[in-house]
Each structure stands twice: as C-alpha cells, then as structure tokens.
C-alpha cells in the first residue's frame, strides 16, 4: 500500500520481535508466516527508505490487540512464492 501510494521514508513498527528479527535475516520458516515474511522482505529490499522497527508491546497497544486477534483467525489461503 505504501509503495502503490508513492510513499517515501516510511517507518513500519511492530511489537513482534520474531517478525522484526526474521525480516532482518535471510532465513524464513517453511510455513505461511515464512512466506509472508519473504514477500515483505522482497518488497523492502528495493526500498532503502522503508524501515521496520521493533517496539515494545506496551508502547503499541492497538497493534498488539490486532496481532492477538489475527493469531486466532489464520488465513485460509496459503501464499506460494
């Protein structure tokens, strides 16, 4: 969405240390989460002005609440690269 809207210098904040660490490495688990991370990583590779930052859960209650709800409703679609 940020790319299609022509945004620049975007900071994405997550309270998921696992997501933040996985995006920073070249390793991804072989599951739906890994596929999503790989897709995100490929979009971020070409955008040096896009940054993903880890923030403590307590500082981002809205994002944490969305993450908790999303864990109980997994996607029925399995993304293939």
PDB file of N, CA and C in Angstrom:
ATOM      1  N   UNK A   1       0.815  -1.170   0.000  1.00  0.00           N
ATOM      2  CA  UNK A   1       0.000   0.000   0.000  1.00  0.00           C
ATOM      3  C   UNK A   1       0.872   1.252   0.000  1.00  0.00           C
ATOM      4  N   UNK A   2       1.933   1.247   0.800  1.00  0.00           N
ATOM      5  CA  UNK A   2       2.831   2.401   0.845  1.00  0.00           C
ATOM      6  C   UNK A   2       3.501   2.606  -0.508  1.00  0.00           C
ATOM      7  N   UNK A   3       3.895   1.523  -1.151  1.00  0.00           N
ATOM      8  CA  UNK A   3       4.550   1.618  -2.458  1.00  0.00           C
ATOM      9  C   UNK A   3       3.563   2.109  -3.507  1.00  0.00           C
ATOM     10  N   UNK A   4       2.375   1.522  -3.553  1.00  0.00           N
ATOM     11  CA  UNK A   4       1.393   1.911  -4.562  1.00  0.00           C
ATOM     12  C   UNK A   4       0.898   3.339  -4.384  1.00  0.00           C
ATOM     13  N   UNK A   5       1.008   3.884  -3.170  1.00  0.00           N
ATOM     14  CA  UNK A   5       0.614   5.269  -2.925  1.00  0.00           C
ATOM     15  C   UNK A   5       1.783   6.244  -3.029  1.00  0.00           C
ATOM     16  N   UNK A   6       2.937   5.741  -3.460  1.00  0.00           N
ATOM     17  CA  UNK A   6       4.098   6.600  -3.680  1.00  0.00           C
ATOM     18  C   UNK A   6       4.706   7.175  -2.418  1.00  0.00           C
ATOM     19  N   UNK A   7       4.559   6.486  -1.311  1.00  0.00           N
ATOM     20  CA  UNK A   7       5.107   6.989  -0.047  1.00  0.00           C
ATOM     21  C   UNK A   7       6.613   6.781   0.008  1.00  0.00           C
ATOM     22  N   UNK A   8       7.283   7.680   0.721  1.00  0.00           N
ATOM     23  CA  UNK A   8       8.737   7.611   0.909  1.00  0.00           C
ATOM     24  C   UNK A   8       9.044   7.750   2.393  1.00  0.00           C
ATOM     25  N   UNK A   9      10.209   7.245   2.795  1.00  0.00           N
ATOM     26  CA  UNK A   9      10.676   7.330   4.183  1.00  0.00           C
ATOM     27  C   UNK A   9       9.610   6.849   5.161  1.00  0.00           C
ATOM     28  N   UNK A  10       9.231   5.588   5.011  1.00  0.00           N
ATOM     29  CA  UNK A  10       8.176   5.006   5.836  1.00  0.00           C
ATOM     30  C   UNK A  10       8.799   4.158   6.949  1.00  0.00           C
ATOM     31  N   UNK A  11       8.296   4.329   8.159  1.00  0.00           N
ATOM     32  CA  UNK A  11       8.732   3.535   9.303  1.00  0.00           C
ATOM     33  C   UNK A  11       7.582   2.610   9.695  1.00  0.00           C
ATOM     34  N   UNK A  12       7.810   1.315   9.570  1.00  0.00           N
ATOM     35  CA  UNK A  12       6.838   0.308   9.995  1.00  0.00           C
ATOM     36  C   UNK A  12       7.249  -0.144  11.389  1.00  0.00           C
ATOM     37  N   UNK A  13       6.324  -0.088  12.339  1.00  0.00           N
ATOM     38  CA  UNK A  13       6.609  -0.515  13.698  1.00  0.00           C
ATOM     39  C   UNK A  13       5.836  -1.786  14.000  1.00  0.00           C
ATOM     40  N   UNK A  14       6.520  -2.731  14.651  1.00  0.00           N
ATOM     41  CA  UNK A  14       5.891  -3.977  15.051  1.00  0.00           C
ATOM     42  C   UNK A  14       6.266  -4.301  16.486  1.00  0.00           C
ATOM     43  N   UNK A  15       5.334  -4.918  17.194  1.00  0.00           N
ATOM     44  CA  UNK A  15       5.654  -5.366  18.546  1.00  0.00           C
ATOM     45  C   UNK A  15       6.002  -6.859  18.544  1.00  0.00           C
ATOM     46  N   UNK A  16       6.230  -7.388  17.344  1.00  0.00           N
ATOM     47  CA  UNK A  16       6.628  -8.783  17.212  1.00  0.00           C
ATOM     48  C   UNK A  16       8.138  -8.865  17.004  1.00  0.00           C
ATOM     49  N   UNK A  17       8.842  -9.269  18.030  1.00  0.00           N
ATOM     50  CA  UNK A  17      10.301  -9.428  17.938  1.00  0.00           C
ATOM     51  C   UNK A  17      10.643 -10.503  16.913  1.00  0.00           C
ATOM     52  N   UNK A  18       9.829 -11.539  16.844  1.00  0.00           N
ATOM     53  CA  UNK A  18      10.065 -12.618  15.876  1.00  0.00           C
ATOM     54  C   UNK A  18       9.985 -12.077  14.453  1.00  0.00           C
ATOM     55  N   UNK A  19       8.956 -11.269  14.162  1.00  0.00           N
ATOM     56  CA  UNK A  19       8.827 -10.684  12.826  1.00  0.00           C
ATOM     57  C   UNK A  19      10.006  -9.778  12.520  1.00  0.00           C
ATOM     58  N   UNK A  20      10.333  -8.896  13.423  1.00  0.00           N
ATOM     59  CA  UNK A  20      11.436  -7.967  13.226  1.00  0.00           C
ATOM     60  C   UNK A  20      12.748  -8.709  12.978  1.00  0.00           C
ATOM     61  N   UNK A  21      13.052  -9.723  13.789  1.00  0.00           N
ATOM     62  CA  UNK A  21      14.281 -10.495  13.626  1.00  0.00           C
ATOM     63  C   UNK A  21      14.278 -11.301  12.327  1.00  0.00           C
ATOM     64  N   UNK A  22      13.133 -11.892  11.989  1.00  0.00           N
ATOM     65  CA  UNK A  22      13.057 -12.707  10.771  1.00  0.00           C
ATOM     66  C   UNK A  22      13.223 -11.846   9.525  1.00  0.00           C
ATOM     67  N   UNK A  23      12.654 -10.646   9.527  1.00  0.00           N
ATOM     68  CA  UNK A  23      12.827  -9.746   8.388  1.00  0.00           C
ATOM     69  C   UNK A  23      14.289  -9.328   8.221  1.00  0.00           C
ATOM     70  N   UNK A  24      15.016  -9.251   9.320  1.00  0.00           N
ATOM     71  CA  UNK A  24      16.403  -8.805   9.282  1.00  0.00           C
ATOM     72  C   UNK A  24      17.373  -9.892   8.814  1.00  0.00           C
ATOM     73  N   UNK A  25      16.918 -11.124   8.731  1.00  0.00           N
ATOM     74  CA  UNK A  25      17.787 -12.224   8.305  1.00  0.00           C
ATOM     75  C   UNK A  25      17.342 -12.746   6.940  1.00  0.00           C
ATOM     76  N   UNK A  26      18.095 -13.672   6.405  1.00  0.00           N
ATOM     77  CA  UNK A  26      17.718 -14.306   5.139  1.00  0.00           C
ATOM     78  C   UNK A  26      16.988 -15.618   5.357  1.00  0.00           C
ATOM     79  N   UNK A  27      16.781 -15.987   6.602  1.00  0.00           N
ATOM     80  CA  UNK A  27      16.116 -17.249   6.921  1.00  0.00           C
ATOM     81  C   UNK A  27      14.644 -17.009   7.222  1.00  0.00           C
ATOM     82  N   UNK A  28      13.797 -17.862   6.647  1.00  0.00           N
ATOM     83  CA  UNK A  28      12.368 -17.802   6.922  1.00  0.00           C
ATOM     84  C   UNK A  28      11.866 -19.209   7.163  1.00  0.00           C
ATOM     85  N   UNK A  29      10.954 -19.383   8.119  1.00  0.00           N
ATOM     86  CA  UNK A  29      10.390 -20.717   8.338  1.00  0.00           C
ATOM     87  C   UNK A  29       9.602 -21.182   7.116  1.00  0.00           C
ATOM     88  N   UNK A  30       9.490 -22.477   6.958  1.00  0.00           N
ATOM     89  CA  UNK A  30       8.767 -23.054   5.826  1.00  0.00           C
ATOM     90  C   UNK A  30       7.292 -23.220   6.191  1.00  0.00           C
ATOM     91  N   UNK A  31       6.607 -22.099   6.340  1.00  0.00           N
ATOM     92  CA  UNK A  31       5.176 -22.114   6.641  1.00  0.00           C
ATOM     93  C   UNK A  31       4.563 -20.813   6.117  1.00  0.00           C
ATOM     94  N   UNK A  32       3.291 -20.585   6.406  1.00  0.00           N
ATOM     95  CA  UNK A  32       2.607 -19.393   5.903  1.00  0.00           C
ATOM     96  C   UNK A  32       3.283 -18.113   6.401  1.00  0.00           C
ATOM     97  N   UNK A  33       3.701 -18.102   7.658  1.00  0.00           N
ATOM     98  CA  UNK A  33       4.405 -16.938   8.204  1.00  0.00           C
ATOM     99  C   UNK A  33       5.681 -16.674   7.407  1.00  0.00           C
ATOM    100  N   UNK A  34       6.433 -17.714   7.129  1.00  0.00           N
ATOM    101  CA  UNK A  34       7.672 -17.575   6.367  1.00  0.00           C
ATOM    102  C   UNK A  34       7.428 -17.041   4.969  1.00  0.00           C
ATOM    103  N   UNK A  35       6.355 -17.490   4.334  1.00  0.00           N
ATOM    104  CA  UNK A  35       6.014 -16.993   3.000  1.00  0.00           C
ATOM    105  C   UNK A  35       5.672 -15.506   3.035  1.00  0.00           C
ATOM    106  N   UNK A  36       4.905 -15.092   4.037  1.00  0.00           N
ATOM    107  CA  UNK A  36       4.561 -13.676   4.166  1.00  0.00           C
ATOM    108  C   UNK A  36       5.799 -12.824   4.444  1.00  0.00           C
ATOM    109  N   UNK A  37       6.674 -13.318   5.303  1.00  0.00           N
ATOM    110  CA  UNK A  37       7.910 -12.597   5.614  1.00  0.00           C
ATOM    111  C   UNK A  37       8.770 -12.479   4.356  1.00  0.00           C
ATOM    112  N   UNK A  38       8.863 -13.537   3.578  1.00  0.00           N
ATOM    113  CA  UNK A  38       9.647 -13.497   2.340  1.00  0.00           C
ATOM    114  C   UNK A  38       9.085 -12.472   1.364  1.00  0.00           C
ATOM    115  N   UNK A  39       7.763 -12.405   1.259  1.00  0.00           N
ATOM    116  CA  UNK A  39       7.141 -11.415   0.381  1.00  0.00           C
ATOM    117  C   UNK A  39       7.425  -9.999   0.875  1.00  0.00           C
ATOM    118  N   UNK A  40       7.314  -9.780   2.171  1.00  0.00           N
ATOM    119  CA  UNK A  40       7.610  -8.462   2.745  1.00  0.00           C
ATOM    120  C   UNK A  40       9.074  -8.104   2.527  1.00  0.00           C
ATOM    121  N   UNK A  41       9.960  -9.049   2.772  1.00  0.00           N
ATOM    122  CA  UNK A  41      11.387  -8.807   2.613  1.00  0.00           C
ATOM    123  C   UNK A  41      11.710  -8.422   1.169  1.00  0.00           C
ATOM    124  N   UNK A  42      11.094  -9.098   0.205  1.00  0.00           N
ATOM    125  CA  UNK A  42      11.380  -8.775  -1.198  1.00  0.00           C
ATOM    126  C   UNK A  42      10.901  -7.368  -1.550  1.00  0.00           C
ATOM    127  N   UNK A  43       9.801  -6.924  -0.958  1.00  0.00           N
ATOM    128  CA  UNK A  43       9.339  -5.553  -1.193  1.00  0.00           C
ATOM    129  C   UNK A  43      10.277  -4.542  -0.532  1.00  0.00           C
ATOM    130  N   UNK A  44      10.770  -4.868   0.650  1.00  0.00           N
ATOM    131  CA  UNK A  44      11.628  -3.950   1.394  1.00  0.00           C
ATOM    132  C   UNK A  44      13.041  -3.862   0.826  1.00  0.00           C
ATOM    133  N   UNK A  45      13.506  -4.914   0.147  1.00  0.00           N
ATOM    134  CA  UNK A  45      14.868  -4.926  -0.375  1.00  0.00           C
ATOM    135  C   UNK A  45      15.129  -3.781  -1.345  1.00  0.00           C
ATOM    136  N   UNK A  46      14.150  -3.420  -2.127  1.00  0.00           N
ATOM    137  CA  UNK A  46      14.320  -2.374  -3.131  1.00  0.00           C
ATOM    138  C   UNK A  46      14.009  -0.984  -2.595  1.00  0.00           C
ATOM    139  N   UNK A  47      13.668  -0.879  -1.340  1.00  0.00           N
ATOM    140  CA  UNK A  47      13.274   0.397  -0.751  1.00  0.00           C
ATOM    141  C   UNK A  47      14.137   0.694   0.466  1.00  0.00           C
ATOM    142  N   UNK A  48      15.240   1.385   0.271  1.00  0.00           N
ATOM    143  CA  UNK A  48      16.117   1.728   1.393  1.00  0.00           C
ATOM    144  C   UNK A  48      15.486   2.731   2.343  1.00  0.00           C
ATOM    145  N   UNK A  49      14.443   3.426   1.891  1.00  0.00           N
ATOM    146  CA  UNK A  49      13.793   4.416   2.738  1.00  0.00           C
ATOM    147  C   UNK A  49      12.641   3.831   3.551  1.00  0.00           C
ATOM    148  N   UNK A  50      12.431   2.510   3.464  1.00  0.00           N
ATOM    149  CA  UNK A  50      11.433   1.819   4.281  1.00  0.00           C
ATOM    150  C   UNK A  50      12.168   1.074   5.384  1.00  0.00           C
ATOM    151  N   UNK A  51      11.753   1.288   6.625  1.00  0.00           N
ATOM    152  CA  UNK A  51      12.429   0.680   7.773  1.00  0.00           C
ATOM    153  C   UNK A  51      11.399  -0.040   8.634  1.00  0.00           C
ATOM    154  N   UNK A  52      11.760  -1.237   9.095  1.00  0.00           N
ATOM    155  CA  UNK A  52      10.919  -1.973  10.037  1.00  0.00           C
ATOM    156  C   UNK A  52      11.607  -1.908  11.389  1.00  0.00           C
ATOM    157  N   UNK A  53      10.858  -1.492  12.393  1.00  0.00           N
ATOM    158  CA  UNK A  53      11.419  -1.287  13.720  1.00  0.00           C
ATOM    159  C   UNK A  53      10.600  -2.043  14.765  1.00  0.00           C
ATOM    160  N   UNK A  54      11.299  -2.644  15.702  1.00  0.00           N
ATOM    161  CA  UNK A  54      10.638  -3.326  16.817  1.00  0.00           C
ATOM    162  C   UNK A  54      10.327  -2.312  17.909  1.00  0.00           C
ATOM    163  N   UNK A  55       9.101  -2.343  18.430  1.00  0.00           N
ATOM    164  CA  UNK A  55       8.715  -1.515  19.570  1.00  0.00           C
ATOM    165  C   UNK A  55       8.102  -2.422  20.624  1.00  0.00           C
ATOM    166  N   UNK A  56       8.266  -2.054  21.871  1.00  0.00           N
ATOM    167  CA  UNK A  56       7.704  -2.850  22.957  1.00  0.00           C
ATOM    168  C   UNK A  56       6.183  -2.878  22.868  1.00  0.00           C
ATOM    169  N   UNK A  57       5.607  -4.018  23.189  1.00  0.00           N
ATOM    170  CA  UNK A  57       4.164  -4.207  23.151  1.00  0.00           C
ATOM    171  C   UNK A  57       3.426  -3.122  23.942  1.00  0.00           C
ATOM    172  N   UNK A  58       3.967  -2.733  25.077  1.00  0.00           N
ATOM    173  CA  UNK A  58       3.302  -1.752  25.923  1.00  0.00           C
ATOM    174  C   UNK A  58       3.187  -0.387  25.254  1.00  0.00           C
ATOM    175  N   UNK A  59       4.057  -0.090  24.302  1.00  0.00           N
ATOM    176  CA  UNK A  59       4.019   1.206  23.634  1.00  0.00           C
ATOM    177  C   UNK A  59       3.096   1.207  22.430  1.00  0.00           C
ATOM    178  N   UNK A  60       2.582   0.039  22.060  1.00  0.00           N
ATOM    179  CA  UNK A  60       1.729  -0.037  20.884  1.00  0.00           C
ATOM    180  C   UNK A  60       0.569  -1.000  21.133  1.00  0.00           C
ATOM    181  N   UNK A  61      -0.349  -0.633  21.998  1.00  0.00           N
ATOM    182  CA  UNK A  61      -1.463  -1.491  22.412  1.00  0.00           C
ATOM    183  C   UNK A  61      -2.394  -1.844  21.248  1.00  0.00           C
ATOM    184  N   UNK A  62      -2.633  -0.910  20.330  1.00  0.00           N
ATOM    185  CA  UNK A  62      -3.531  -1.180  19.202  1.00  0.00           C
ATOM    186  C   UNK A  62      -2.951  -2.276  18.313  1.00  0.00           C
ATOM    187  N   UNK A  63      -1.694  -2.150  17.943  1.00  0.00           N
ATOM    188  CA  UNK A  63      -1.055  -3.167  17.102  1.00  0.00           C
ATOM    189  C   UNK A  63      -1.029  -4.514  17.809  1.00  0.00           C
ATOM    190  N   UNK A  64      -0.771  -4.497  19.101  1.00  0.00           N
ATOM    191  CA  UNK A  64      -0.751  -5.751  19.854  1.00  0.00           C
ATOM    192  C   UNK A  64      -2.126  -6.416  19.853  1.00  0.00           C
ATOM    193  N   UNK A  65      -3.173  -5.640  20.044  1.00  0.00           N
ATOM    194  CA  UNK A  65      -4.532  -6.193  20.033  1.00  0.00           C
ATOM    195  C   UNK A  65      -4.873  -6.803  18.678  1.00  0.00           C
ATOM    196  N   UNK A  66      -4.498  -6.138  17.594  1.00  0.00           N
ATOM    197  CA  UNK A  66      -4.742  -6.668  16.246  1.00  0.00           C
ATOM    198  C   UNK A  66      -3.961  -7.962  16.035  1.00  0.00           C
ATOM    199  N   UNK A  67      -2.723  -7.993  16.499  1.00  0.00           N
ATOM    200  CA  UNK A  67      -1.899  -9.194  16.341  1.00  0.00           C
ATOM    201  C   UNK A  67      -2.499 -10.380  17.083  1.00  0.00           C
ATOM    202  N   UNK A  68      -2.989 -10.161  18.282  1.00  0.00           N
ATOM    203  CA  UNK A  68      -3.595 -11.242  19.075  1.00  0.00           C
ATOM    204  C   UNK A  68      -4.824 -11.790  18.370  1.00  0.00           C
ATOM    205  N   UNK A  69      -5.680 -10.917  17.853  1.00  0.00           N
ATOM    206  CA  UNK A  69      -6.885 -11.353  17.146  1.00  0.00           C
ATOM    207  C   UNK A  69      -6.513 -12.106  15.869  1.00  0.00           C
ATOM    208  N   UNK A  70      -5.497 -11.627  15.144  1.00  0.00           N
ATOM    209  CA  UNK A  70      -5.119 -12.278  13.888  1.00  0.00           C
ATOM    210  C   UNK A  70      -4.584 -13.689  14.119  1.00  0.00           C
ATOM    211  N   UNK A  71      -3.967 -13.936  15.267  1.00  0.00           N
ATOM    212  CA  UNK A  71      -3.460 -15.275  15.564  1.00  0.00           C
ATOM    213  C   UNK A  71      -4.583 -16.289  15.727  1.00  0.00           C
ATOM    214  N   UNK A  72      -5.740 -15.829  16.164  1.00  0.00           N
ATOM    215  CA  UNK A  72      -6.855 -16.751  16.349  1.00  0.00           C
ATOM    216  C   UNK A  72      -7.693 -16.912  15.078  1.00  0.00           C
ATOM    217  N   UNK A  73      -7.359 -16.184  14.020  1.00  0.00           N
ATOM    218  CA  UNK A  73      -8.063 -16.273  12.741  1.00  0.00           C
ATOM    219  C   UNK A  73      -7.056 -16.417  11.606  1.00  0.00           C
ATOM    220  N   UNK A  74      -6.397 -17.584  11.477  1.00  0.00           N
ATOM    221  CA  UNK A  74      -5.389 -17.743  10.427  1.00  0.00           C
ATOM    222  C   UNK A  74      -6.013 -17.653   9.035  1.00  0.00           C
ATOM    223  N   UNK A  75      -5.222 -17.218   8.121  1.00  0.00           N
ATOM    224  CA  UNK A  75      -5.677 -17.063   6.743  1.00  0.00           C
ATOM    225  C   UNK A  75      -5.965 -18.429   6.126  1.00  0.00           C
ATOM    226  N   UNK A  76      -7.081 -18.553   5.411  1.00  0.00           N
ATOM    227  CA  UNK A  76      -7.364 -19.827   4.738  1.00  0.00           C
ATOM    228  C   UNK A  76      -6.544 -20.005   3.469  1.00  0.00           C
ATOM    229  N   UNK A  77      -5.831 -18.965   3.073  1.00  0.00           N
ATOM    230  CA  UNK A  77      -5.046 -19.011   1.838  1.00  0.00           C
ATOM    231  C   UNK A  77      -3.590 -19.219   2.196  1.00  0.00           C
ATOM    232  N   UNK A  78      -2.949 -20.137   1.527  1.00  0.00           N
ATOM    233  CA  UNK A  78      -1.536 -20.385   1.730  1.00  0.00           C
ATOM    234  C   UNK A  78      -0.801 -19.748   0.561  1.00  0.00           C
ATOM    235  N   UNK A  79       0.033 -18.750   0.841  1.00  0.00           N
ATOM    236  CA  UNK A  79       0.714 -17.997  -0.206  1.00  0.00           C
ATOM    237  C   UNK A  79       1.949 -18.764  -0.677  1.00  0.00           C
ATOM    238  N   UNK A  80       2.088 -18.891  -1.949  1.00  0.00           N
ATOM    239  CA  UNK A  80       3.252 -19.540  -2.549  1.00  0.00           C
ATOM    240  C   UNK A  80       4.057 -18.484  -3.296  1.00  0.00           C
ATOM    241  N   UNK A  81       5.345 -18.534  -3.160  1.00  0.00           N
ATOM    242  CA  UNK A  81       6.211 -17.588  -3.858  1.00  0.00           C
ATOM    243  C   UNK A  81       6.461 -18.049  -5.270  1.00  0.00           C
TER     244      UNK A  81
END
